[in-house]
Amino acid sequence: MKKYFKESKKFILITGFKNLKICNAKDFIKKIREKISQKIWIQFFDSSLIATWEHLFFATLNAQLSFKNNSNISKSMEIETLLYASTQNQIDKAIKIIGLKNETDDIAIVMVGKNENQIDETLLEISESIGKEPDDSVIELTKRKIKKIAKEFNISENEIASVIKKDNINGAVRDIILEKIALLSTKS
């Protein structure tokens, strides 16, 4: 999924990769970041805790707004996005919850930059580097992911029931996560 933020004049790309065997998450991230343009920022997530592309889109949007309003918690847009995506205001907790871990197989990626071609080229470089094609299915909701997300984000069955519309549990879980992201900005 790729969109353009008119206000900041930047493109955002949200995608994922499936069936990676990450032995060392820190080395993986460092290797990828060394290869990409400094004009693009990138953040990685454990996709098993991502409630659709909107989850990452609104986390990124809120991170950008926090910098614009001087209410950011971290010093970098990447970490601020991680904080919002995790709905946490502590970096260590955010990394522990939604950051890449050594056992992570499926990852989600957010890339932001002013040049659409640079983003596309960076995605191609990452794809070639890891030997996998992008796969947006890792950011879609499944029954298995819903259970894991509900547990990790402290979402009760009652909370889901109060938000659910037309038996759409996926939409309910996504909406609750988006609400938690929005609430984080009020805690800063």
C-alpha atoms as a PDB file:
ATOM      1  CA  MET A   1       0.000   0.000   0.000  1.00  0.00           C
ATOM      2  CA  LYS A   2       1.405   3.352  -1.000  1.00  0.00           C
ATOM      3  CA  LYS A   3      -0.094   6.759  -0.209  1.00  0.00           C
ATOM      4  CA  TYR A   4       0.933  10.389  -0.421  1.00  0.00           C
ATOM      5  CA  PHE A   5       0.799  12.694   2.613  1.00  0.00           C
ATOM      6  CA  LYS A   6      -0.129  16.085   1.161  1.00  0.00           C
ATOM      7  CA  GLU A   7       0.669  17.995   4.330  1.00  0.00           C
ATOM      8  CA  SER A   8       4.233  16.709   4.676  1.00  0.00           C
ATOM      9  CA  LYS A   9       4.724  16.140   0.935  1.00  0.00           C
ATOM     10  CA  LYS A  10       5.955  12.599   1.535  1.00  0.00           C
ATOM     11  CA  PHE A  11       5.085   9.146   0.281  1.00  0.00           C
ATOM     12  CA  ILE A  12       4.443   6.240   2.608  1.00  0.00           C
ATOM     13  CA  LEU A  13       4.785   2.609   1.621  1.00  0.00           C
ATOM     14  CA  ILE A  14       3.482  -0.164   3.857  1.00  0.00           C
ATOM     15  CA  THR A  15       4.140  -3.788   2.989  1.00  0.00           C
ATOM     16  CA  GLY A  16       5.595  -6.956   4.411  1.00  0.00           C
ATOM     17  CA  PHE A  17       7.673 -10.022   3.788  1.00  0.00           C
ATOM     18  CA  LYS A  18       6.759 -13.595   4.610  1.00  0.00           C
ATOM     19  CA  ASN A  19       8.736 -16.612   5.806  1.00  0.00           C
ATOM     20  CA  LEU A  20      11.993 -14.907   6.690  1.00  0.00           C
ATOM     21  CA  LYS A  21      14.418 -16.647   8.970  1.00  0.00           C
ATOM     22  CA  ILE A  22      15.827 -13.816  11.044  1.00  0.00           C
ATOM     23  CA  CYS A  23      18.631 -15.106  13.246  1.00  0.00           C
ATOM     24  CA  ASN A  24      19.671 -11.727  14.611  1.00  0.00           C
ATOM     25  CA  ALA A  25      17.098  -8.936  14.402  1.00  0.00           C
ATOM     26  CA  LYS A  26      19.582  -6.135  15.141  1.00  0.00           C
ATOM     27  CA  ASP A  27      21.962  -7.312  12.403  1.00  0.00           C
ATOM     28  CA  PHE A  28      19.073  -7.701   9.952  1.00  0.00           C
ATOM     29  CA  ILE A  29      17.872  -4.137  10.559  1.00  0.00           C
ATOM     30  CA  LYS A  30      21.407  -2.717  10.429  1.00  0.00           C
ATOM     31  CA  LYS A  31      22.161  -4.526   7.145  1.00  0.00           C
ATOM     32  CA  ILE A  32      19.001  -3.192   5.483  1.00  0.00           C
ATOM     33  CA  ARG A  33      19.443   0.361   6.779  1.00  0.00           C
ATOM     34  CA  GLU A  34      23.037   0.465   5.485  1.00  0.00           C
ATOM     35  CA  LYS A  35      21.790  -0.276   1.967  1.00  0.00           C
ATOM     36  CA  ILE A  36      19.043   2.310   1.728  1.00  0.00           C
ATOM     37  CA  SER A  37      19.068   5.990   0.837  1.00  0.00           C
ATOM     38  CA  GLN A  38      19.441   8.400   3.733  1.00  0.00           C
ATOM     39  CA  LYS A  39      16.535  10.330   2.242  1.00  0.00           C
ATOM     40  CA  ILE A  40      14.132   7.543   3.206  1.00  0.00           C
ATOM     41  CA  TRP A  41      13.352   6.347   6.677  1.00  0.00           C
ATOM     42  CA  ILE A  42      12.264   2.794   7.344  1.00  0.00           C
ATOM     43  CA  GLN A  43      10.837   0.946  10.325  1.00  0.00           C
ATOM     44  CA  PHE A  44      10.323  -2.788  10.793  1.00  0.00           C
ATOM     45  CA  PHE A  45       7.583  -4.525  12.766  1.00  0.00           C
ATOM     46  CA  ASP A  46       6.600  -8.019  13.832  1.00  0.00           C
ATOM     47  CA  SER A  47       3.658  -8.379  11.454  1.00  0.00           C
ATOM     48  CA  SER A  48       1.868 -10.851  13.730  1.00  0.00           C
ATOM     49  CA  LEU A  49       0.796  -7.808  15.767  1.00  0.00           C
ATOM     50  CA  ILE A  50      -0.236  -5.534  12.906  1.00  0.00           C
ATOM     51  CA  ALA A  51      -3.976  -4.964  12.509  1.00  0.00           C
ATOM     52  CA  THR A  52      -4.024  -4.076   8.770  1.00  0.00           C
ATOM     53  CA  TRP A  53      -2.163  -1.410   6.822  1.00  0.00           C
ATOM     54  CA  GLU A  54      -4.311   1.236   8.531  1.00  0.00           C
ATOM     55  CA  HIS A  55      -2.673   0.361  11.849  1.00  0.00           C
ATOM     56  CA  LEU A  56       0.734   1.377  10.477  1.00  0.00           C
ATOM     57  CA  PHE A  57      -0.618   4.236   8.388  1.00  0.00           C
ATOM     58  CA  PHE A  58      -2.226   5.965  11.367  1.00  0.00           C
ATOM     59  CA  ALA A  59       0.773   5.219  13.595  1.00  0.00           C
ATOM     60  CA  THR A  60       2.961   6.964  11.000  1.00  0.00           C
ATOM     61  CA  LEU A  61       0.528   9.854  10.617  1.00  0.00           C
ATOM     62  CA  ASN A  62       0.389  10.372  14.390  1.00  0.00           C
ATOM     63  CA  ALA A  63       4.183  10.183  14.616  1.00  0.00           C
ATOM     64  CA  GLN A  64       4.479  12.906  11.978  1.00  0.00           C
ATOM     65  CA  LEU A  65       1.937  15.052  13.822  1.00  0.00           C
ATOM     66  CA  SER A  66       3.779  14.591  17.114  1.00  0.00           C
ATOM     67  CA  PHE A  67       6.954  16.005  15.544  1.00  0.00           C
ATOM     68  CA  LYS A  68       5.026  18.854  13.940  1.00  0.00           C
ATOM     69  CA  ASN A  69       3.434  19.711  17.308  1.00  0.00           C
ATOM     70  CA  ASN A  70       6.676  19.188  19.283  1.00  0.00           C
ATOM     71  CA  SER A  71       4.995  16.479  21.359  1.00  0.00           C
ATOM     72  CA  ASN A  72       7.208  13.621  20.165  1.00  0.00           C
ATOM     73  CA  ILE A  73       8.584  11.174  22.727  1.00  0.00           C
ATOM     74  CA  SER A  74      11.571   9.967  20.723  1.00  0.00           C
ATOM     75  CA  LYS A  75      14.189  11.744  18.636  1.00  0.00           C
ATOM     76  CA  SER A  76      13.487   9.834  15.410  1.00  0.00           C
ATOM     77  CA  MET A  77      10.436   9.388  13.227  1.00  0.00           C
ATOM     78  CA  GLU A  78      11.133   5.644  13.004  1.00  0.00           C
ATOM     79  CA  ILE A  79      10.975   5.125  16.772  1.00  0.00           C
ATOM     80  CA  GLU A  80       8.025   7.492  17.137  1.00  0.00           C
ATOM     81  CA  THR A  81       6.127   5.382  14.594  1.00  0.00           C
ATOM     82  CA  LEU A  82       7.061   2.242  16.536  1.00  0.00           C
ATOM     83  CA  LEU A  83       5.735   3.855  19.722  1.00  0.00           C
ATOM     84  CA  TYR A  84       2.416   4.733  18.119  1.00  0.00           C
ATOM     85  CA  ALA A  85       2.068   1.331  16.448  1.00  0.00           C
ATOM     86  CA  SER A  86       2.649  -0.374  19.803  1.00  0.00           C
ATOM     87  CA  THR A  87       0.368   2.128  21.610  1.00  0.00           C
ATOM     88  CA  GLN A  88       3.156   2.567  24.172  1.00  0.00           C
ATOM     89  CA  ASN A  89       4.995   5.640  25.373  1.00  0.00           C
ATOM     90  CA  GLN A  90       8.148   3.766  26.412  1.00  0.00           C
ATOM     91  CA  ILE A  91      10.626   2.767  23.736  1.00  0.00           C
ATOM     92  CA  ASP A  92      11.770  -0.471  25.403  1.00  0.00           C
ATOM     93  CA  LYS A  93       8.176  -1.662  25.771  1.00  0.00           C
ATOM     94  CA  ALA A  94       7.374  -0.726  22.172  1.00  0.00           C
ATOM     95  CA  ILE A  95      10.349  -2.680  20.836  1.00  0.00           C
ATOM     96  CA  LYS A  96       9.502  -5.672  23.021  1.00  0.00           C
ATOM     97  CA  ILE A  97       5.885  -5.704  21.858  1.00  0.00           C
ATOM     98  CA  ILE A  98       5.980  -4.929  18.162  1.00  0.00           C
ATOM     99  CA  GLY A  99       9.632  -4.701  17.130  1.00  0.00           C
ATOM    100  CA  LEU A 100      11.501  -7.409  15.257  1.00  0.00           C
ATOM    101  CA  LYS A 101      12.694 -10.316  17.342  1.00  0.00           C
ATOM    102  CA  ASN A 102      15.162 -13.053  16.501  1.00  0.00           C
ATOM    103  CA  GLU A 103      12.297 -15.509  15.986  1.00  0.00           C
ATOM    104  CA  THR A 104      10.225 -13.198  13.750  1.00  0.00           C
ATOM    105  CA  ASP A 105       9.295 -14.896  10.459  1.00  0.00           C
ATOM    106  CA  ASP A 106       6.896 -12.369   8.943  1.00  0.00           C
ATOM    107  CA  ILE A 107       7.706  -8.670   8.986  1.00  0.00           C
ATOM    108  CA  ALA A 108       5.897  -5.464   8.167  1.00  0.00           C
ATOM    109  CA  ILE A 109       7.750  -2.441   6.838  1.00  0.00           C
ATOM    110  CA  VAL A 110       6.929   1.254   6.725  1.00  0.00           C
ATOM    111  CA  MET A 111       9.007   3.470   4.439  1.00  0.00           C
ATOM    112  CA  VAL A 112       8.599   7.225   4.153  1.00  0.00           C
ATOM    113  CA  GLY A 113      10.313   9.598   1.748  1.00  0.00           C
ATOM    114  CA  LYS A 114       9.757  12.583  -0.512  1.00  0.00           C
ATOM    115  CA  ASN A 115      10.557  10.736  -3.740  1.00  0.00           C
ATOM    116  CA  GLU A 116       8.222   7.943  -4.868  1.00  0.00           C
ATOM    117  CA  ASN A 117      10.866   6.414  -7.157  1.00  0.00           C
ATOM    118  CA  GLN A 118      13.371   6.205  -4.291  1.00  0.00           C
ATOM    119  CA  ILE A 119      10.826   4.346  -2.201  1.00  0.00           C
ATOM    120  CA  ASP A 120      10.119   1.901  -5.028  1.00  0.00           C
ATOM    121  CA  GLU A 121      13.851   1.399  -5.630  1.00  0.00           C
ATOM    122  CA  THR A 122      14.473   0.864  -1.922  1.00  0.00           C
ATOM    123  CA  LEU A 123      11.745  -1.759  -1.764  1.00  0.00           C
ATOM    124  CA  LEU A 124      13.356  -3.526  -4.716  1.00  0.00           C
ATOM    125  CA  GLU A 125      16.774  -3.387  -2.996  1.00  0.00           C
ATOM    126  CA  ILE A 126      15.330  -4.853   0.194  1.00  0.00           C
ATOM    127  CA  SER A 127      13.524  -7.552  -1.760  1.00  0.00           C
ATOM    128  CA  GLU A 128      16.717  -8.520  -3.597  1.00  0.00           C
ATOM    129  CA  SER A 129      18.764  -8.391  -0.388  1.00  0.00           C
ATOM    130  CA  ILE A 130      16.515 -10.827   1.476  1.00  0.00           C
ATOM    131  CA  GLY A 131      15.563 -12.923  -1.537  1.00  0.00           C
ATOM    132  CA  LYS A 132      11.815 -12.475  -1.058  1.00  0.00           C
ATOM    133  CA  GLU A 133       9.014 -10.621  -2.814  1.00  0.00           C
ATOM    134  CA  PRO A 134       6.845  -8.191  -0.837  1.00  0.00           C
ATOM    135  CA  ASP A 135       3.695  -9.838   0.500  1.00  0.00           C
ATOM    136  CA  ASP A 136       0.901  -7.650   1.855  1.00  0.00           C
ATOM    137  CA  SER A 137      -0.924 -10.679   3.254  1.00  0.00           C
ATOM    138  CA  VAL A 138       1.252 -10.481   6.385  1.00  0.00           C
ATOM    139  CA  ILE A 139      -0.422  -7.218   7.407  1.00  0.00           C
ATOM    140  CA  GLU A 140      -3.958  -8.535   6.948  1.00  0.00           C
ATOM    141  CA  LEU A 141      -5.936  -9.775   9.934  1.00  0.00           C
ATOM    142  CA  THR A 142      -6.553 -13.466  10.561  1.00  0.00           C
ATOM    143  CA  LYS A 143      -8.303 -15.252  13.439  1.00  0.00           C
ATOM    144  CA  ARG A 144      -4.917 -16.279  14.815  1.00  0.00           C
ATOM    145  CA  LYS A 145      -3.584 -12.722  14.665  1.00  0.00           C
ATOM    146  CA  ILE A 146      -6.724 -11.313  16.280  1.00  0.00           C
ATOM    147  CA  LYS A 147      -6.208 -13.514  19.354  1.00  0.00           C
ATOM    148  CA  LYS A 148      -2.552 -12.519  19.617  1.00  0.00           C
ATOM    149  CA  ILE A 149      -3.298  -8.813  19.084  1.00  0.00           C
ATOM    150  CA  ALA A 150      -6.138  -8.861  21.628  1.00  0.00           C
ATOM    151  CA  LYS A 151      -3.833 -10.421  24.220  1.00  0.00           C
ATOM    152  CA  GLU A 152      -0.846  -8.137  23.548  1.00  0.00           C
ATOM    153  CA  PHE A 153      -2.877  -4.923  23.347  1.00  0.00           C
ATOM    154  CA  ASN A 154      -5.170  -5.820  26.287  1.00  0.00           C
ATOM    155  CA  ILE A 155      -8.352  -5.857  24.228  1.00  0.00           C
ATOM    156  CA  SER A 156     -11.191  -7.631  26.022  1.00  0.00           C
ATOM    157  CA  GLU A 157     -14.041  -9.552  24.406  1.00  0.00           C
ATOM    158  CA  ASN A 158     -16.419  -6.940  25.847  1.00  0.00           C
ATOM    159  CA  GLU A 159     -14.442  -4.164  24.161  1.00  0.00           C
ATOM    160  CA  ILE A 160     -14.641  -6.000  20.827  1.00  0.00           C
ATOM    161  CA  ALA A 161     -18.369  -6.657  21.316  1.00  0.00           C
ATOM    162  CA  SER A 162     -19.040  -2.963  21.948  1.00  0.00           C
ATOM    163  CA  VAL A 163     -17.318  -1.950  18.686  1.00  0.00           C
ATOM    164  CA  ILE A 164     -18.236  -4.831  16.374  1.00  0.00           C
ATOM    165  CA  LYS A 165     -20.463  -4.078  13.397  1.00  0.00           C
ATOM    166  CA  LYS A 166     -22.198  -6.743  11.322  1.00  0.00           C
ATOM    167  CA  ASP A 167     -20.064  -9.583  12.732  1.00  0.00           C
ATOM    168  CA  ASN A 168     -16.895  -7.914  11.425  1.00  0.00           C
ATOM    169  CA  ILE A 169     -14.389  -8.774  14.152  1.00  0.00           C
ATOM    170  CA  ASN A 170     -11.473  -7.707  11.939  1.00  0.00           C
ATOM    171  CA  GLY A 171     -12.873  -4.196  11.644  1.00  0.00           C
ATOM    172  CA  ALA A 172     -13.593  -4.065  15.369  1.00  0.00           C
ATOM    173  CA  VAL A 173     -10.035  -5.045  16.342  1.00  0.00           C
ATOM    174  CA  ARG A 174      -8.569  -2.601  13.804  1.00  0.00           C
ATOM    175  CA  ASP A 175     -10.790   0.221  15.103  1.00  0.00           C
ATOM    176  CA  ILE A 176      -9.796  -0.470  18.717  1.00  0.00           C
ATOM    177  CA  ILE A 177      -6.098  -0.357  17.800  1.00  0.00           C
ATOM    178  CA  LEU A 178      -6.618   2.918  15.917  1.00  0.00           C
ATOM    179  CA  GLU A 179      -8.391   4.346  18.962  1.00  0.00           C
ATOM    180  CA  LYS A 180      -5.481   3.306  21.191  1.00  0.00           C
ATOM    181  CA  ILE A 181      -3.049   4.987  18.783  1.00  0.00           C
ATOM    182  CA  ALA A 182      -5.104   8.189  18.937  1.00  0.00           C
ATOM    183  CA  LEU A 183      -5.240   8.039  22.729  1.00  0.00           C
ATOM    184  CA  LEU A 184      -1.453   7.752  22.962  1.00  0.00           C
ATOM    185  CA  SER A 185      -1.068  11.272  21.600  1.00  0.00           C
ATOM    186  CA  THR A 186      -3.149  12.579  24.512  1.00  0.00           C
ATOM    187  CA  LYS A 187      -0.789  10.901  27.003  1.00  0.00           C
ATOM    188  CA  SER A 188       2.337  12.599  25.650  1.00  0.00           C
END
